[in-house]
C-alpha atoms as a PDB file:
ATOM      1  CA  MET A   1    -158.936 106.876  47.124  1.00  0.00           C
ATOM      2  CA  ASN A   2    -160.178 104.886  44.119  1.00  0.00           C
ATOM      3  CA  LEU A   3    -160.966 107.094  41.143  1.00  0.00           C
ATOM      4  CA  MET A   4    -161.493 104.303  38.603  1.00  0.00           C
ATOM      5  CA  ASN A   5    -164.687 104.782  36.582  1.00  0.00           C
ATOM      6  CA  THR A   6    -165.407 108.188  38.133  1.00  0.00           C
ATOM      7  CA  GLU A   7    -166.145 111.300  36.124  1.00  0.00           C
ATOM      8  CA  ILE A   8    -163.620 114.104  36.266  1.00  0.00           C
ATOM      9  CA  SER A   9    -164.664 117.338  37.990  1.00  0.00           C
ATOM     10  CA  GLU A  10    -165.329 120.657  36.302  1.00  0.00           C
ATOM     11  CA  PHE A  11    -162.240 122.833  35.877  1.00  0.00           C
ATOM     12  CA  SER A  12    -160.948 125.830  33.958  1.00  0.00           C
ATOM     13  CA  LEU A  13    -157.204 126.424  33.942  1.00  0.00           C
ATOM     14  CA  ASP A  14    -154.788 128.903  32.406  1.00  0.00           C
ATOM     15  CA  SER A  15    -152.511 126.960  30.105  1.00  0.00           C
ATOM     16  CA  PHE A  16    -149.611 127.301  27.726  1.00  0.00           C
ATOM     17  CA  LYS A  17    -149.567 125.435  24.425  1.00  0.00           C
ATOM     18  CA  ASP A  18    -147.005 125.699  21.642  1.00  0.00           C
ATOM     19  CA  GLY A  19    -146.204 129.384  22.159  1.00  0.00           C
ATOM     20  CA  GLU A  20    -149.700 130.556  23.156  1.00  0.00           C
ATOM     21  CA  PHE A  21    -151.681 131.143  26.346  1.00  0.00           C
ATOM     22  CA  LEU A  22    -155.197 129.697  26.523  1.00  0.00           C
ATOM     23  CA  LYS A  23    -157.844 128.498  28.971  1.00  0.00           C
ATOM     24  CA  ILE A  24    -158.719 124.818  29.070  1.00  0.00           C
ATOM     25  CA  SER A  25    -161.845 123.514  30.773  1.00  0.00           C
ATOM     26  CA  LYS A  26    -163.577 120.183  31.191  1.00  0.00           C
ATOM     27  CA  SER A  27    -165.781 120.889  28.189  1.00  0.00           C
ATOM     28  CA  ASP A  28    -162.631 121.227  26.036  1.00  0.00           C
ATOM     29  CA  VAL A  29    -161.444 117.700  26.867  1.00  0.00           C
ATOM     30  CA  LEU A  30    -164.741 115.869  26.400  1.00  0.00           C
ATOM     31  CA  GLY A  31    -165.418 114.052  23.137  1.00  0.00           C
ATOM     32  CA  LYS A  32    -162.020 112.429  22.731  1.00  0.00           C
ATOM     33  CA  TRP A  33    -159.591 110.514  24.915  1.00  0.00           C
ATOM     34  CA  ALA A  34    -157.621 112.682  27.346  1.00  0.00           C
ATOM     35  CA  ILE A  35    -154.346 111.917  29.065  1.00  0.00           C
ATOM     36  CA  PHE A  36    -153.600 114.010  32.146  1.00  0.00           C
ATOM     37  CA  VAL A  37    -149.906 113.902  33.033  1.00  0.00           C
ATOM     38  CA  PHE A  38    -149.415 115.402  36.501  1.00  0.00           C
ATOM     39  CA  TYR A  39    -145.840 116.242  37.431  1.00  0.00           C
ATOM     40  CA  PRO A  40    -144.278 117.973  40.472  1.00  0.00           C
ATOM     41  CA  ALA A  41    -142.633 121.064  38.971  1.00  0.00           C
ATOM     42  CA  ASP A  42    -141.133 122.856  36.000  1.00  0.00           C
ATOM     43  CA  PHE A  43    -137.324 123.266  35.865  1.00  0.00           C
ATOM     44  CA  THR A  44    -136.677 119.924  37.564  1.00  0.00           C
ATOM     45  CA  PHE A  45    -134.936 116.675  36.655  1.00  0.00           C
ATOM     46  CA  VAL A  46    -137.248 113.718  35.894  1.00  0.00           C
ATOM     47  CA  CYS A  47    -140.198 115.828  34.701  1.00  0.00           C
ATOM     48  CA  PRO A  48    -138.618 117.126  31.461  1.00  0.00           C
ATOM     49  CA  THR A  49    -137.525 113.602  30.500  1.00  0.00           C
ATOM     50  CA  GLU A  50    -141.124 112.389  30.815  1.00  0.00           C
ATOM     51  CA  LEU A  51    -142.700 115.348  29.022  1.00  0.00           C
ATOM     52  CA  GLY A  52    -140.089 115.096  26.268  1.00  0.00           C
ATOM     53  CA  ASP A  53    -140.746 111.360  25.879  1.00  0.00           C
ATOM     54  CA  ILE A  54    -144.459 112.048  25.465  1.00  0.00           C
ATOM     55  CA  ALA A  55    -143.644 114.850  22.991  1.00  0.00           C
ATOM     56  CA  ASP A  56    -141.679 112.316  20.924  1.00  0.00           C
ATOM     57  CA  HIS A  57    -144.841 110.139  20.758  1.00  0.00           C
ATOM     58  CA  TYR A  58    -147.406 112.949  20.526  1.00  0.00           C
ATOM     59  CA  ASP A  59    -148.329 112.343  16.867  1.00  0.00           C
ATOM     60  CA  GLU A  60    -149.116 108.694  17.611  1.00  0.00           C
ATOM     61  CA  ILE A  61    -151.188 109.666  20.643  1.00  0.00           C
ATOM     62  CA  GLN A  62    -153.166 112.156  18.555  1.00  0.00           C
ATOM     63  CA  SER A  63    -153.716 109.503  15.873  1.00  0.00           C
ATOM     64  CA  LEU A  64    -155.555 107.523  18.574  1.00  0.00           C
ATOM     65  CA  ASP A  65    -158.064 110.390  18.987  1.00  0.00           C
ATOM     66  CA  ALA A  66    -156.409 111.433  22.235  1.00  0.00           C
ATOM     67  CA  GLU A  67    -155.025 114.671  23.617  1.00  0.00           C
ATOM     68  CA  VAL A  68    -152.334 115.148  26.263  1.00  0.00           C
ATOM     69  CA  TYR A  69    -152.481 117.678  29.100  1.00  0.00           C
ATOM     70  CA  GLY A  70    -149.396 118.218  31.235  1.00  0.00           C
ATOM     71  CA  VAL A  71    -150.411 119.498  34.671  1.00  0.00           C
ATOM     72  CA  SER A  72    -148.353 121.076  37.445  1.00  0.00           C
ATOM     73  CA  THR A  73    -149.026 123.732  40.042  1.00  0.00           C
ATOM     74  CA  ASP A  74    -146.609 126.123  38.303  1.00  0.00           C
ATOM     75  CA  SER A  75    -148.079 129.173  36.570  1.00  0.00           C
ATOM     76  CA  HIS A  76    -148.669 129.289  32.821  1.00  0.00           C
ATOM     77  CA  PHE A  77    -145.977 132.007  32.734  1.00  0.00           C
ATOM     78  CA  CYS A  78    -143.527 129.552  34.296  1.00  0.00           C
ATOM     79  CA  HIS A  79    -144.526 126.940  31.674  1.00  0.00           C
ATOM     80  CA  LYS A  80    -143.712 129.448  28.929  1.00  0.00           C
ATOM     81  CA  ALA A  81    -140.346 130.335  30.471  1.00  0.00           C
ATOM     82  CA  TRP A  82    -139.490 126.627  30.715  1.00  0.00           C
ATOM     83  CA  TRP A  83    -140.590 126.060  27.092  1.00  0.00           C
ATOM     84  CA  ASP A  84    -138.449 129.023  25.987  1.00  0.00           C
ATOM     85  CA  SER A  85    -135.348 127.866  27.859  1.00  0.00           C
ATOM     86  CA  SER A  86    -135.312 124.065  27.489  1.00  0.00           C
ATOM     87  CA  ASP A  87    -134.674 122.240  24.219  1.00  0.00           C
ATOM     88  CA  THR A  88    -136.498 119.206  25.631  1.00  0.00           C
ATOM     89  CA  ILE A  89    -139.599 121.129  26.718  1.00  0.00           C
ATOM     90  CA  ASN A  90    -139.582 123.170  23.503  1.00  0.00           C
ATOM     91  CA  LYS A  91    -140.532 119.901  21.719  1.00  0.00           C
ATOM     92  CA  VAL A  92    -143.781 119.806  23.740  1.00  0.00           C
ATOM     93  CA  LYS A  93    -146.711 120.747  21.475  1.00  0.00           C
ATOM     94  CA  TYR A  94    -149.473 119.707  23.889  1.00  0.00           C
ATOM     95  CA  ALA A  95    -150.903 121.957  26.611  1.00  0.00           C
ATOM     96  CA  LEU A  96    -149.155 122.544  29.936  1.00  0.00           C
ATOM     97  CA  MET A  97    -151.897 123.467  32.390  1.00  0.00           C
ATOM     98  CA  SER A  98    -151.431 125.676  35.436  1.00  0.00           C
ATOM     99  CA  ASP A  99    -153.143 124.237  38.495  1.00  0.00           C
ATOM    100  CA  ASN A 100    -151.820 127.001  40.744  1.00  0.00           C
ATOM    101  CA  LEU A 101    -154.999 126.988  42.856  1.00  0.00           C
ATOM    102  CA  PHE A 102    -154.629 123.200  43.338  1.00  0.00           C
ATOM    103  CA  ALA A 103    -158.259 122.356  42.424  1.00  0.00           C
ATOM    104  CA  LEU A 104    -157.494 119.868  39.646  1.00  0.00           C
ATOM    105  CA  SER A 105    -154.703 118.154  41.598  1.00  0.00           C
ATOM    106  CA  GLU A 106    -157.041 117.841  44.589  1.00  0.00           C
ATOM    107  CA  SER A 107    -159.910 116.464  42.500  1.00  0.00           C
ATOM    108  CA  PHE A 108    -157.604 113.814  41.017  1.00  0.00           C
ATOM    109  CA  GLY A 109    -156.249 113.026  44.491  1.00  0.00           C
ATOM    110  CA  VAL A 110    -152.609 113.800  43.656  1.00  0.00           C
ATOM    111  CA  LEU A 111    -151.950 117.064  45.533  1.00  0.00           C
ATOM    112  CA  ARG A 112    -149.162 117.042  48.095  1.00  0.00           C
ATOM    113  CA  PRO A 113    -150.919 119.272  50.640  1.00  0.00           C
ATOM    114  CA  ASP A 114    -147.807 120.203  52.588  1.00  0.00           C
ATOM    115  CA  GLU A 115    -145.926 121.212  49.427  1.00  0.00           C
ATOM    116  CA  GLY A 116    -148.493 122.618  47.000  1.00  0.00           C
ATOM    117  CA  ARG A 117    -147.230 120.325  44.252  1.00  0.00           C
ATOM    118  CA  ALA A 118    -148.746 117.386  42.406  1.00  0.00           C
ATOM    119  CA  ASN A 119    -147.482 113.849  42.650  1.00  0.00           C
ATOM    120  CA  ARG A 120    -146.211 112.129  39.524  1.00  0.00           C
ATOM    121  CA  ALA A 121    -149.431 110.599  38.117  1.00  0.00           C
ATOM    122  CA  THR A 122    -151.037 109.772  34.788  1.00  0.00           C
ATOM    123  CA  PHE A 123    -154.759 109.428  34.093  1.00  0.00           C
ATOM    124  CA  ILE A 124    -156.397 108.083  30.941  1.00  0.00           C
ATOM    125  CA  VAL A 125    -159.876 109.573  30.602  1.00  0.00           C
ATOM    126  CA  ASP A 126    -162.438 108.387  28.064  1.00  0.00           C
ATOM    127  CA  PRO A 127    -164.415 110.717  25.746  1.00  0.00           C
ATOM    128  CA  ASP A 128    -167.225 110.882  28.338  1.00  0.00           C
ATOM    129  CA  GLY A 129    -164.847 112.268  30.977  1.00  0.00           C
ATOM    130  CA  VAL A 130    -164.596 109.016  32.946  1.00  0.00           C
ATOM    131  CA  ILE A 131    -161.254 107.790  34.327  1.00  0.00           C
ATOM    132  CA  GLN A 132    -160.365 104.415  32.770  1.00  0.00           C
ATOM    133  CA  ALA A 133    -156.773 104.004  33.988  1.00  0.00           C
ATOM    134  CA  TYR A 134    -154.316 105.742  36.242  1.00  0.00           C
ATOM    135  CA  GLU A 135    -150.800 105.355  37.566  1.00  0.00           C
ATOM    136  CA  LEU A 136    -149.082 107.042  40.490  1.00  0.00           C
ATOM    137  CA  THR A 137    -145.324 106.778  40.930  1.00  0.00           C
ATOM    138  CA  ALA A 138    -142.799 107.951  43.477  1.00  0.00           C
ATOM    139  CA  GLU A 139    -140.879 111.179  42.958  1.00  0.00           C
ATOM    140  CA  GLY A 140    -137.808 109.628  41.354  1.00  0.00           C
ATOM    141  CA  ILE A 141    -139.520 107.112  39.041  1.00  0.00           C
ATOM    142  CA  GLY A 142    -140.097 108.343  35.494  1.00  0.00           C
ATOM    143  CA  ARG A 143    -142.886 107.122  33.242  1.00  0.00           C
ATOM    144  CA  ASP A 144    -142.679 105.583  29.769  1.00  0.00           C
ATOM    145  CA  ALA A 145    -144.722 106.988  26.846  1.00  0.00           C
ATOM    146  CA  GLU A 146    -144.698 103.664  24.995  1.00  0.00           C
ATOM    147  CA  ASP A 147    -146.371 101.913  27.937  1.00  0.00           C
ATOM    148  CA  LEU A 148    -148.822 104.802  28.240  1.00  0.00           C
ATOM    149  CA  ILE A 149    -149.757 104.316  24.573  1.00  0.00           C
ATOM    150  CA  ARG A 150    -150.176 100.563  25.137  1.00  0.00           C
ATOM    151  CA  LYS A 151    -152.577 101.286  28.010  1.00  0.00           C
ATOM    152  CA  LEU A 152    -154.463 103.875  25.932  1.00  0.00           C
ATOM    153  CA  LYS A 153    -154.875 101.341  23.115  1.00  0.00           C
ATOM    154  CA  ALA A 154    -156.126  98.724  25.598  1.00  0.00           C
ATOM    155  CA  ALA A 155    -158.627 101.182  27.106  1.00  0.00           C
ATOM    156  CA  ARG A 156    -159.870 102.108  23.637  1.00  0.00           C
ATOM    157  CA  TYR A 157    -160.163  98.421  22.688  1.00  0.00           C
ATOM    158  CA  VAL A 158    -162.140  97.477  25.802  1.00  0.00           C
ATOM    159  CA  ARG A 159    -164.479 100.437  25.287  1.00  0.00           C
ATOM    160  CA  ALA A 160    -165.148  99.306  21.708  1.00  0.00           C
ATOM    161  CA  HIS A 161    -165.407  95.606  22.711  1.00  0.00           C
ATOM    162  CA  PRO A 162    -167.099  95.528  26.147  1.00  0.00           C
ATOM    163  CA  ASP A 163    -167.289  91.707  26.190  1.00  0.00           C
ATOM    164  CA  GLU A 164    -163.499  91.342  25.918  1.00  0.00           C
ATOM    165  CA  VAL A 165    -160.534  92.135  28.167  1.00  0.00           C
ATOM    166  CA  CYS A 166    -156.856  92.714  27.422  1.00  0.00           C
ATOM    167  CA  PRO A 167    -154.447  90.381  29.261  1.00  0.00           C
ATOM    168  CA  ALA A 168    -151.067  91.369  30.688  1.00  0.00           C
ATOM    169  CA  LYS A 169    -148.602  92.816  28.172  1.00  0.00           C
ATOM    170  CA  TRP A 170    -151.372  92.978  25.544  1.00  0.00           C
ATOM    171  CA  LYS A 171    -150.407  94.860  22.414  1.00  0.00           C
ATOM    172  CA  GLU A 172    -152.684  96.037  19.634  1.00  0.00           C
ATOM    173  CA  GLY A 173    -153.545  93.173  17.294  1.00  0.00           C
ATOM    174  CA  GLU A 174    -152.870  90.440  19.832  1.00  0.00           C
ATOM    175  CA  GLU A 175    -155.509  88.094  21.203  1.00  0.00           C
ATOM    176  CA  THR A 176    -157.833  89.259  23.924  1.00  0.00           C
ATOM    177  CA  LEU A 177    -159.922  87.250  26.354  1.00  0.00           C
ATOM    178  CA  ALA A 178    -163.685  86.844  26.543  1.00  0.00           C
ATOM    179  CA  PRO A 179    -164.385  86.340  30.251  1.00  0.00           C
ATOM    180  CA  SER A 180    -166.543  83.308  30.917  1.00  0.00           C
ATOM    181  CA  LEU A 181    -167.032  80.509  33.401  1.00  0.00           C
ATOM    182  CA  ASP A 182    -165.078  78.251  31.022  1.00  0.00           C
ATOM    183  CA  LEU A 183    -161.901  80.289  31.576  1.00  0.00           C
ATOM    184  CA  VAL A 184    -161.945  80.090  35.370  1.00  0.00           C
ATOM    185  CA  GLY A 185    -158.880  78.129  36.480  1.00  0.00           C
ATOM    186  CA  LYS A 186    -157.751  77.533  32.871  1.00  0.00           C
ATOM    187  CA  ILE A 187    -155.369  80.453  32.443  1.00  0.00           C
END
């Protein structure tokens, strides 16, 4: 299923953020960039390494007018217990959302229906609630926050400069391309 350039669905989820319980809905994520980081389960192996890596880069992500939302099908109580017991997860200052009714995972197309868990997937959503990039990886393949930030910067750049595109391995400040007939066959 291709979700590129589609608007995210309405949702309202119990969440845990930096020692507090709260509800997060679609209206809360609109107006700035949102990064949804789906992961299979709390108290596992690869998941805390990914969430901890993002926590280490959270200030930079926020400086790009973006917010991170970790999402699993575990309860918000389970998120708190994990945060309380893990030094790695205790670094996480962004929200961990509880999709225990599976609605958000289903709407993003990442629910494992036979397991009730989400696949490992990341979605970059623009301030209008439209998906601009996503990545889905196999169970044992962890993601990299630095590459996520590079993709976020590219998505932000293209939104601000709709007549330009970012080539492979593009980094902020590097040259972009202006698609035209003159470039066809020249790259």
